[in-house]
Protein backbone atom coordinates (compact mmCIF):
# COMPACT_ATOMS: atom_id res chain seq x y z
CA MET A 1 222.66 11.96 13.35
CA PRO A 2 221.48 14.69 15.94
CA PHE A 3 223.57 17.27 16.83
CA PHE A 4 223.68 15.84 20.62
CA THR A 5 224.18 12.42 19.48
CA LYS A 6 227.43 13.64 17.60
CA LEU A 7 228.33 15.85 20.27
CA CYS A 8 228.21 13.05 22.99
CA CYS A 9 229.80 10.33 20.47
CA VAL A 10 232.77 12.68 19.86
CA LEU A 11 233.27 13.72 23.10
CA ALA A 12 233.00 10.35 25.37
CA MET A 13 235.03 8.42 23.17
CA ASN A 14 238.50 9.81 24.64
CA THR A 15 237.89 8.54 28.16
CA ARG A 16 236.00 5.26 27.46
CA HIS A 17 238.93 4.12 29.85
CA ALA A 18 238.27 6.46 32.87
CA SER A 19 238.85 5.06 36.17
CA HIS A 20 235.76 4.21 38.39
CA ALA A 21 237.72 5.38 41.42
CA SER A 22 236.50 9.07 40.64
CA PHE A 23 233.35 7.60 41.03
CA ALA A 24 233.42 6.51 44.72
CA GLU A 25 230.38 8.51 45.97
CA THR A 26 227.96 9.67 43.64
CA HIS A 27 224.69 11.26 44.62
CA TRP A 28 222.48 8.42 44.14
CA SER A 29 224.72 6.08 46.05
CA MET A 30 225.15 8.17 48.81
CA VAL A 31 221.09 8.46 48.78
CA LEU A 32 220.90 4.47 48.63
CA SER A 33 223.55 4.03 51.43
CA ALA A 34 222.55 6.49 54.14
CA ARG A 35 220.77 4.73 57.14
CA ASP A 36 218.57 7.50 57.68
CA TRP A 37 217.85 8.83 53.97
CA ARG A 38 216.12 11.74 55.24
CA SER A 39 219.31 12.97 57.06
CA PRO A 40 220.62 16.16 55.99
CA LYS A 41 223.53 14.68 53.58
CA ALA A 42 221.09 12.11 51.96
CA GLN A 43 218.54 14.86 51.64
CA ASP A 44 220.90 17.37 50.01
CA ALA A 45 222.08 14.54 47.48
CA LEU A 46 218.35 13.55 46.71
CA ALA A 47 217.67 17.37 46.20
CA ARG A 48 220.66 17.74 43.89
CA LEU A 49 219.28 14.86 41.95
CA CYS A 50 215.91 16.12 41.56
CA GLN A 51 216.82 19.55 40.04
CA SER A 52 218.07 18.32 37.47
CA TYR A 53 214.70 16.37 36.50
CA TRP A 54 211.87 18.46 37.13
CA TYR A 55 211.66 19.34 33.06
CA PRO A 56 211.81 15.40 32.17
CA LEU A 57 209.06 14.67 34.45
CA TYR A 58 207.05 17.58 33.25
CA ALA A 59 207.38 16.61 29.72
CA PHE A 60 206.25 13.28 30.53
CA ILE A 61 203.07 14.66 32.37
CA ARG A 62 202.15 16.51 29.96
CA ARG A 63 202.48 13.87 27.19
CA ARG A 64 200.23 12.05 29.58
CA GLY A 65 197.71 14.55 28.27
CA HIS A 66 197.45 16.62 31.81
CA SER A 67 197.10 20.39 31.28
CA PRO A 68 199.74 23.13 31.63
CA HIS A 69 198.23 23.85 35.14
CA ASP A 70 197.81 20.10 36.19
CA ALA A 71 200.93 19.37 35.23
CA GLN A 72 202.90 21.96 37.18
CA ASP A 73 200.87 21.00 39.91
CA LEU A 74 201.74 17.35 39.74
CA THR A 75 205.24 17.72 39.13
CA GLN A 76 205.80 19.47 42.51
CA GLY A 77 203.18 17.22 43.99
CA PHE A 78 205.27 14.25 43.07
CA PHE A 79 208.81 15.89 44.46
CA THR A 80 206.69 16.47 47.85
CA HIS A 81 205.59 12.66 47.76
CA LEU A 82 209.44 11.67 47.07
CA PHE A 83 210.80 13.56 49.70
CA GLU A 84 207.67 13.01 52.45
CA HIS A 85 207.23 9.35 52.10
CA ASP A 86 209.01 5.69 52.12
CA THR A 87 209.39 5.85 48.38
CA LEU A 88 212.79 5.22 48.29
CA HIS A 89 212.34 2.05 50.68
CA ARG A 90 210.75 0.37 47.93
CA VAL A 91 214.46 0.75 45.80
CA GLU A 92 216.98 -2.54 45.22
CA GLN A 93 220.10 -0.99 45.79
CA GLU A 94 221.61 -3.59 43.36
CA LYS A 95 219.04 -2.33 40.60
CA GLY A 96 218.84 1.38 41.71
CA ARG A 97 219.32 3.57 38.60
CA PHE A 98 217.75 7.13 39.68
CA ARG A 99 216.54 7.16 35.93
CA THR A 100 214.48 4.23 36.27
CA PHE A 101 213.66 4.54 39.94
CA LEU A 102 212.00 7.79 39.20
CA LEU A 103 209.94 7.26 36.33
CA ALA A 104 208.24 3.94 38.10
CA ALA A 105 207.93 6.38 41.38
CA LEU A 106 206.50 9.12 39.09
CA THR A 107 203.77 6.47 37.27
CA ARG A 108 202.72 5.21 40.78
CA PHE A 109 202.14 8.49 41.85
CA LEU A 110 200.05 9.56 38.80
CA ASN A 111 198.11 6.38 38.63
CA ASN A 112 197.19 6.90 42.47
CA GLU A 113 196.13 10.56 41.85
CA ARG A 114 194.08 9.72 38.90
CA ASP A 115 191.46 8.50 40.78
CA LYS A 116 190.89 11.52 43.15
CA ARG A 117 188.32 13.71 42.17
CA HIS A 118 189.34 17.12 43.37
CA THR A 119 192.88 18.52 42.96
CA ARG A 120 194.60 19.70 46.20
CA LYS A 121 197.17 22.04 46.43
CA ARG A 122 200.25 19.89 46.64
CA GLY A 123 203.73 20.86 48.23
CA GLY A 124 201.81 23.00 50.98
CA ALA A 125 205.00 25.29 52.66
CA HIS A 126 207.75 22.94 50.92
CA LYS A 127 209.08 23.93 47.40
CA PHE A 128 211.59 21.30 46.26
CA ILE A 129 212.23 22.69 43.09
CA SER A 130 212.69 26.23 41.82
CA TRP A 131 211.32 26.77 38.01
CA ASP A 132 209.46 29.23 36.17
CA ALA A 133 206.15 27.73 35.12
CA LEU A 134 205.57 30.00 31.86
CA GLU A 135 209.06 28.89 30.92
CA ALA A 136 208.01 25.07 31.49
CA GLU A 137 205.11 25.30 29.30
CA GLU A 138 206.79 27.39 26.46
CA ARG A 139 209.98 24.78 26.75
CA TYR A 140 207.58 22.14 26.25
CA ARG A 141 205.65 23.54 22.99
CA SER A 142 208.88 24.55 21.33
CA GLU A 143 209.94 20.88 21.33
CA PRO A 144 209.78 19.17 17.86
CA GLY A 145 207.21 17.25 16.56
CA THR A 146 207.67 13.79 17.60
CA SER A 147 205.07 10.72 18.15
CA ALA A 148 207.24 9.56 20.93
CA SER A 149 205.54 7.86 24.07
CA PRO A 150 205.48 9.59 27.31
CA ASP A 151 208.21 7.13 28.43
CA GLY A 152 210.37 8.24 25.22
CA ILE A 153 209.96 11.87 25.84
CA PHE A 154 211.08 11.36 29.36
CA ASP A 155 214.21 9.28 28.24
CA GLN A 156 214.99 12.29 25.57
CA GLN A 157 214.55 15.03 27.96
CA TRP A 158 216.73 12.91 30.56
CA ALA A 159 219.38 12.62 28.04
CA ALA A 160 219.33 16.32 27.22
CA SER A 161 219.28 17.11 30.67
CA ILE A 162 222.57 15.19 31.42
CA VAL A 163 224.35 16.54 28.39
CA GLU A 164 223.31 20.36 29.55
CA GLN A 165 224.61 19.91 32.98
CA ALA A 166 227.81 18.48 31.80
CA GLN A 167 228.13 21.67 29.65
CA VAL A 168 227.37 23.58 32.27
CA ARG A 169 230.03 22.67 34.22
CA LEU A 170 232.68 22.52 31.48
CA ARG A 171 231.94 26.20 30.85
CA ALA A 172 232.22 27.11 34.55
CA GLU A 173 235.47 25.22 34.60
CA TYR A 174 236.89 27.29 31.96
CA VAL A 175 235.72 30.52 33.12
CA ALA A 176 237.34 29.86 36.30
CA SER A 177 240.83 29.26 34.96
CA GLY A 178 240.47 32.14 32.76
CA LYS A 179 239.75 30.30 29.51
CA GLY A 180 236.41 31.42 28.86
CA ALA A 181 237.06 32.87 25.82
CA VAL A 182 238.64 29.54 24.82
CA PHE A 183 235.23 27.84 25.41
CA ALA A 184 233.07 30.02 23.99
CA ALA A 185 235.19 29.90 20.72
CA LEU A 186 235.60 26.34 20.53
CA GLN A 187 232.41 25.01 21.94
CA GLU A 188 230.48 25.01 18.43
CA LEU A 189 233.28 22.70 17.33
CA LEU A 190 232.41 20.03 20.17
CA ALA A 191 230.38 17.94 17.51
CA GLY A 192 233.07 17.65 15.28
CA GLN A 193 231.73 19.39 12.66
CA THR A 194 234.96 21.58 11.50
CA MET A 195 234.37 24.14 8.24
CA ALA A 196 236.83 24.95 5.85
CA GLY A 197 238.99 27.58 7.56
CA ALA A 198 237.56 27.45 10.83
CA TYR A 199 240.94 26.79 12.68
CA ALA A 200 242.27 29.76 10.79
CA GLU A 201 239.63 32.06 12.10
CA LEU A 202 239.83 30.72 15.53
CA SER A 203 243.63 31.19 15.26
CA THR A 204 243.15 34.79 14.43
CA ARG A 205 240.21 35.40 17.24
CA LEU A 206 242.15 33.33 19.89
CA GLN A 207 245.38 34.63 19.04
CA MET A 208 246.77 31.23 19.14
CA SER A 209 248.71 29.18 16.50
CA GLU A 210 246.41 26.67 14.16
CA PRO A 211 248.03 23.58 15.83
CA ALA A 212 247.36 25.19 19.51
CA VAL A 213 243.68 25.79 18.62
CA LYS A 214 243.77 22.09 17.75
CA VAL A 215 245.14 20.74 21.23
CA ALA A 216 242.95 22.84 22.86
CA LEU A 217 239.65 21.42 21.06
CA HIS A 218 241.04 18.29 21.86
CA ARG A 219 241.23 18.92 25.50
CA LEU A 220 237.77 20.55 25.56
CA ARG A 221 236.17 17.26 23.83
CA ARG A 222 238.28 15.16 26.13
CA ARG A 223 237.32 17.07 29.44
CA PHE A 224 233.53 17.21 28.49
CA GLY A 225 233.77 13.53 28.14
CA GLU A 226 234.79 13.27 31.70
CA MET A 227 232.23 15.66 32.64
CA LEU A 228 229.30 13.66 31.08
CA ARG A 229 230.57 10.70 32.40
CA SER A 230 230.62 12.21 36.05
CA GLU A 231 227.00 13.53 35.32
CA ILE A 232 226.13 9.72 34.45
CA ALA A 233 228.04 8.43 37.26
CA HIS A 234 225.81 10.74 39.79
CA THR A 235 222.58 8.58 38.84
CA VAL A 236 223.50 5.35 39.45
CA ALA A 237 224.54 2.90 42.39
CA ASP A 238 227.24 1.15 40.61
CA PRO A 239 230.15 2.90 38.68
CA ALA A 240 230.07 -0.48 36.61
CA GLU A 241 227.02 0.77 35.01
CA VAL A 242 228.02 4.17 33.53
CA GLU A 243 228.79 2.71 29.98
CA ASP A 244 225.50 1.00 29.98
CA GLU A 245 223.89 4.37 30.92
CA LEU A 246 225.96 6.14 28.55
CA ARG A 247 224.58 3.89 25.79
CA TYR A 248 221.82 4.43 26.78
CA LEU A 249 221.82 8.22 26.37
CA PHE A 250 222.98 7.92 22.85
CA ALA A 251 220.13 5.69 21.91
CA ALA A 252 217.81 8.36 23.68
CA LEU A 253 219.39 11.35 22.11
CA GLY A 254 219.31 9.51 18.76
CA GLU A 255 215.48 8.71 18.53
């Protein structure tokens, strides 16, 4: 089982009964419910969602056969299209998962662009995502060899992005509470792989008893599960969809 899949399975199990109340207003539901999605509030919510998705989209476009330069141009162009056109008006709120909406919108955008003879500079004065073009291509080339379809690549990178965002938030929370050293020491055990003597070594490093180390690891895993669900909740319109998306994430990471 791949590392990310183990990680998510171990950490999410402890928060399976999380309350929906904490997901009352999410980024995506905020966008969908806004009377004018171009309002600053809705625009900010959409921008936050999109910032995490540039690489899954870039990888999808590259797998469709576009060159690195064209993929960079098309990714930026798609975000411009998303913000400047009535794309969101096509979304049915009751079926509004951001993942499925975004991939469908990108596919339509690429199909429309395919027949254009000349590539224009997309985005103009607007820049909706901040990225390093060289980093994007190096990251794409470093991906393990796979025969996955463009849709499969997108799903894998979407899932990895969700996990990464949850880890970033968790690290920041521990650092802010003065427990950065605890996070740094225990994060390697998040997937449940504990080597013989690991607790004793960590006990010495952290100057904690072995039982205290085990409790700290349990709390870290539980909090990560909460963070993971929170990240997923931001991408669905209905909190009741979180469990389905979590299962989809497991499947994508296991491919």
